[in-house]
Every structure is written in C-alpha cells, then in structure tokens.
Amino acid sequence: MKFLHAMIRVKDLNKSLDFYEKLLGLVPTRTIELEDSKLHYLTDGNTEIELTENFEIPENGYENGAAFGHFAFECENLDEFSKKVKETGYEYLWEPFYLKEIDTRIAFLKDPDGNEIEIIENRQ
C-alpha cells in the first residue's frame, strides 16, 4: 500500500498555486478536467496534492472539518524558509519554535483556504 495524494478544494486557484508552488516548492504534474471541476496535481517528488477547482464554489469558500488537523512539510533550513515566507507576503500562524520531543524546530502557517501547514526542519 502506498499513499498517493491528499485533495484540497480551493476557492481561488491562483492564490493556492502561488502558495504551493512558490512558497512550498511543489511542482505541477498534470491537470484533469472533469464535468464539474478541474483537478490540479502538484508533487514534491514523492507525494502529490490535488487542488480541486470546482466550477461551482460556495460564496464563502469551504469549511474545514474539525477532524482534519494539518499537512506537514519538511524543509532543510527553517531560517531560510522563514525568509521566503516573509518575501512572499505570508505570515506564520505559530512562529518557528523548538520541539524537544522530536529534537527539531517547527512552525505553522495557513494556506489561502485556511488549511494549516506544519513546517518541520530536517533533523539530519
């Protein structure tokens, strides 16, 4: 069994693409057009995120369920990533901090649709 992708419904595709491509460095792989939506796939080389652009979007976007927590991404250097966060105009939800239980620093921010994104600095 292999985990393939996670799907996120997006209100503004361009803002979401900017976030996942420019800030997180994911690379688009393909787009599939369906009857009611377009599916935009991005990858880190291992796993994909599917940004779903429904043709009929609720006026206020989508509500995140209480069961979902966050997506986690690893970065090589959290200080360098923080510079990129600032340069691209995003802000942290929780600024970088050391988490002794995993012996590394982490931080949290939100994507344009309010999904929490955890950034974990590589411990190696």
C-alpha atoms as a PDB file:
ATOM      1  CA  MET A   1       0.000   0.000   0.000  1.00  0.00           C
ATOM      2  CA  LYS A   2       1.297   3.447  -0.911  1.00  0.00           C
ATOM      3  CA  PHE A   3      -0.132   6.856  -0.014  1.00  0.00           C
ATOM      4  CA  LEU A   4      -0.701   8.797  -3.245  1.00  0.00           C
ATOM      5  CA  HIS A   5      -2.248  12.197  -2.617  1.00  0.00           C
ATOM      6  CA  ALA A   6      -4.399  14.475  -0.495  1.00  0.00           C
ATOM      7  CA  MET A   7      -7.166  16.561  -2.062  1.00  0.00           C
ATOM      8  CA  ILE A   8      -7.897  20.176  -1.147  1.00  0.00           C
ATOM      9  CA  ARG A   9     -10.861  22.142  -2.502  1.00  0.00           C
ATOM     10  CA  VAL A  10      -9.720  25.666  -3.323  1.00  0.00           C
ATOM     11  CA  LYS A  11     -11.664  28.896  -3.659  1.00  0.00           C
ATOM     12  CA  ASP A  12      -9.013  30.833  -5.598  1.00  0.00           C
ATOM     13  CA  LEU A  13      -6.826  28.531  -7.695  1.00  0.00           C
ATOM     14  CA  ASN A  14      -4.191  31.185  -8.481  1.00  0.00           C
ATOM     15  CA  LYS A  15      -3.629  32.033  -4.806  1.00  0.00           C
ATOM     16  CA  SER A  16      -3.374  28.343  -3.964  1.00  0.00           C
ATOM     17  CA  LEU A  17      -0.946  27.660  -6.811  1.00  0.00           C
ATOM     18  CA  ASP A  18       1.209  30.594  -5.661  1.00  0.00           C
ATOM     19  CA  PHE A  19       1.291  29.186  -2.135  1.00  0.00           C
ATOM     20  CA  TYR A  20       2.042  25.563  -3.002  1.00  0.00           C
ATOM     21  CA  GLU A  21       4.409  26.286  -5.913  1.00  0.00           C
ATOM     22  CA  LYS A  22       6.229  29.476  -4.925  1.00  0.00           C
ATOM     23  CA  LEU A  23       6.375  29.067  -1.160  1.00  0.00           C
ATOM     24  CA  LEU A  24       6.445  25.289  -0.669  1.00  0.00           C
ATOM     25  CA  GLY A  25       8.212  24.453  -3.935  1.00  0.00           C
ATOM     26  CA  LEU A  26       5.765  21.830  -5.224  1.00  0.00           C
ATOM     27  CA  VAL A  27       5.820  21.149  -8.954  1.00  0.00           C
ATOM     28  CA  PRO A  28       2.680  20.818 -11.123  1.00  0.00           C
ATOM     29  CA  THR A  29       2.401  17.396 -12.756  1.00  0.00           C
ATOM     30  CA  ARG A  30      -0.944  17.341 -14.556  1.00  0.00           C
ATOM     31  CA  THR A  31      -4.449  18.784 -14.755  1.00  0.00           C
ATOM     32  CA  ILE A  32      -7.557  16.717 -15.314  1.00  0.00           C
ATOM     33  CA  GLU A  33     -10.800  18.346 -16.395  1.00  0.00           C
ATOM     34  CA  LEU A  34     -13.999  16.714 -15.213  1.00  0.00           C
ATOM     35  CA  GLU A  35     -17.618  17.640 -15.801  1.00  0.00           C
ATOM     36  CA  ASP A  36     -17.875  19.720 -12.618  1.00  0.00           C
ATOM     37  CA  SER A  37     -14.260  20.572 -11.763  1.00  0.00           C
ATOM     38  CA  LYS A  38     -10.578  20.679 -12.663  1.00  0.00           C
ATOM     39  CA  LEU A  39      -8.049  18.687 -10.664  1.00  0.00           C
ATOM     40  CA  HIS A  40      -4.579  20.239 -10.440  1.00  0.00           C
ATOM     41  CA  TYR A  41      -1.849  17.904  -9.165  1.00  0.00           C
ATOM     42  CA  LEU A  42       1.402  19.106  -7.599  1.00  0.00           C
ATOM     43  CA  THR A  43       4.231  16.998  -6.192  1.00  0.00           C
ATOM     44  CA  ASP A  44       7.311  17.145  -4.031  1.00  0.00           C
ATOM     45  CA  GLY A  45       8.701  14.173  -5.967  1.00  0.00           C
ATOM     46  CA  ASN A  46       7.117  11.574  -3.709  1.00  0.00           C
ATOM     47  CA  THR A  47       3.552  12.521  -2.816  1.00  0.00           C
ATOM     48  CA  GLU A  48       1.002  14.713  -4.549  1.00  0.00           C
ATOM     49  CA  ILE A  49      -1.519  17.307  -3.501  1.00  0.00           C
ATOM     50  CA  GLU A  50      -4.632  17.593  -5.644  1.00  0.00           C
ATOM     51  CA  LEU A  51      -6.041  21.118  -5.742  1.00  0.00           C
ATOM     52  CA  THR A  52      -9.677  20.754  -6.766  1.00  0.00           C
ATOM     53  CA  GLU A  53     -11.177  23.719  -8.558  1.00  0.00           C
ATOM     54  CA  ASN A  54     -14.941  23.140  -8.531  1.00  0.00           C
ATOM     55  CA  PHE A  55     -16.849  25.112 -11.155  1.00  0.00           C
ATOM     56  CA  GLU A  56     -19.492  25.982  -8.551  1.00  0.00           C
ATOM     57  CA  ILE A  57     -17.811  27.288  -5.406  1.00  0.00           C
ATOM     58  CA  PRO A  58     -19.692  28.311  -2.260  1.00  0.00           C
ATOM     59  CA  GLU A  59     -19.596  32.101  -1.870  1.00  0.00           C
ATOM     60  CA  ASN A  60     -17.596  31.895   1.367  1.00  0.00           C
ATOM     61  CA  GLY A  61     -15.375  29.058   0.219  1.00  0.00           C
ATOM     62  CA  TYR A  62     -15.205  25.746   2.041  1.00  0.00           C
ATOM     63  CA  GLU A  63     -15.340  24.952   5.740  1.00  0.00           C
ATOM     64  CA  ASN A  64     -12.555  22.878   7.232  1.00  0.00           C
ATOM     65  CA  GLY A  65     -13.812  19.979   9.317  1.00  0.00           C
ATOM     66  CA  ALA A  66     -12.937  19.556  12.985  1.00  0.00           C
ATOM     67  CA  ALA A  67     -11.330  16.159  12.347  1.00  0.00           C
ATOM     68  CA  PHE A  68      -8.643  17.480   9.999  1.00  0.00           C
ATOM     69  CA  GLY A  69      -5.528  18.917  11.612  1.00  0.00           C
ATOM     70  CA  HIS A  70      -2.783  19.888   9.167  1.00  0.00           C
ATOM     71  CA  PHE A  71      -0.442  18.913   6.364  1.00  0.00           C
ATOM     72  CA  ALA A  72       3.249  18.629   7.273  1.00  0.00           C
ATOM     73  CA  PHE A  73       6.195  19.511   5.044  1.00  0.00           C
ATOM     74  CA  GLU A  74       9.910  19.185   5.747  1.00  0.00           C
ATOM     75  CA  CYS A  75      12.355  21.969   4.953  1.00  0.00           C
ATOM     76  CA  GLU A  76      16.135  21.883   5.080  1.00  0.00           C
ATOM     77  CA  ASN A  77      16.562  25.144   6.985  1.00  0.00           C
ATOM     78  CA  LEU A  78      13.733  26.890   8.827  1.00  0.00           C
ATOM     79  CA  ASP A  79      15.602  30.220   8.911  1.00  0.00           C
ATOM     80  CA  GLU A  80      15.891  30.209   5.110  1.00  0.00           C
ATOM     81  CA  PHE A  81      12.267  29.134   4.749  1.00  0.00           C
ATOM     82  CA  SER A  82      11.215  31.963   7.085  1.00  0.00           C
ATOM     83  CA  LYS A  83      12.902  34.467   4.759  1.00  0.00           C
ATOM     84  CA  LYS A  84      10.856  33.043   1.897  1.00  0.00           C
ATOM     85  CA  VAL A  85       7.668  33.307   3.980  1.00  0.00           C
ATOM     86  CA  LYS A  86       8.371  36.996   4.554  1.00  0.00           C
ATOM     87  CA  GLU A  87       9.393  37.670   0.926  1.00  0.00           C
ATOM     88  CA  THR A  88       6.189  36.107  -0.421  1.00  0.00           C
ATOM     89  CA  GLY A  89       3.979  38.054   1.993  1.00  0.00           C
ATOM     90  CA  TYR A  90       2.754  35.156   4.112  1.00  0.00           C
ATOM     91  CA  GLU A  91       2.708  35.120   7.909  1.00  0.00           C
ATOM     92  CA  TYR A  92       3.165  32.354  10.415  1.00  0.00           C
ATOM     93  CA  LEU A  93       0.262  31.153  12.476  1.00  0.00           C
ATOM     94  CA  TRP A  94       2.882  29.945  15.006  1.00  0.00           C
ATOM     95  CA  GLU A  95       6.412  31.276  14.590  1.00  0.00           C
ATOM     96  CA  PRO A  96       9.262  28.711  14.486  1.00  0.00           C
ATOM     97  CA  PHE A  97       9.954  27.031  17.816  1.00  0.00           C
ATOM     98  CA  TYR A  98      11.995  24.114  19.108  1.00  0.00           C
ATOM     99  CA  LEU A  99      10.041  20.936  19.906  1.00  0.00           C
ATOM    100  CA  LYS A 100      12.258  18.833  22.170  1.00  0.00           C
ATOM    101  CA  GLU A 101      10.134  15.686  21.711  1.00  0.00           C
ATOM    102  CA  ILE A 102      11.282  15.425  18.096  1.00  0.00           C
ATOM    103  CA  ASP A 103      14.548  17.373  18.526  1.00  0.00           C
ATOM    104  CA  THR A 104      13.913  19.951  15.834  1.00  0.00           C
ATOM    105  CA  ARG A 105      12.161  23.230  15.100  1.00  0.00           C
ATOM    106  CA  ILE A 106       8.671  23.506  13.658  1.00  0.00           C
ATOM    107  CA  ALA A 107       6.321  26.304  12.596  1.00  0.00           C
ATOM    108  CA  PHE A 108       2.754  26.622  11.328  1.00  0.00           C
ATOM    109  CA  LEU A 109       1.077  28.763   8.687  1.00  0.00           C
ATOM    110  CA  LYS A 110      -2.162  28.611   6.733  1.00  0.00           C
ATOM    111  CA  ASP A 111      -2.701  28.217   3.013  1.00  0.00           C
ATOM    112  CA  PRO A 112      -5.093  30.606   1.192  1.00  0.00           C
ATOM    113  CA  ASP A 113      -8.064  28.385   2.074  1.00  0.00           C
ATOM    114  CA  GLY A 114      -7.261  28.201   5.792  1.00  0.00           C
ATOM    115  CA  ASN A 115      -5.666  24.741   5.869  1.00  0.00           C
ATOM    116  CA  GLU A 116      -2.942  24.534   8.493  1.00  0.00           C
ATOM    117  CA  ILE A 117       0.518  23.695   7.201  1.00  0.00           C
ATOM    118  CA  GLU A 118       3.239  22.467   9.560  1.00  0.00           C
ATOM    119  CA  ILE A 119       6.844  23.078   8.543  1.00  0.00           C
ATOM    120  CA  ILE A 120       9.373  20.746  10.158  1.00  0.00           C
ATOM    121  CA  GLU A 121      13.082  21.445   9.896  1.00  0.00           C
ATOM    122  CA  ASN A 122      15.160  18.484   8.755  1.00  0.00           C
ATOM    123  CA  ARG A 123      16.997  16.995  11.743  1.00  0.00           C
ATOM    124  CA  GLN A 124      19.825  15.458   9.692  1.00  0.00           C
END
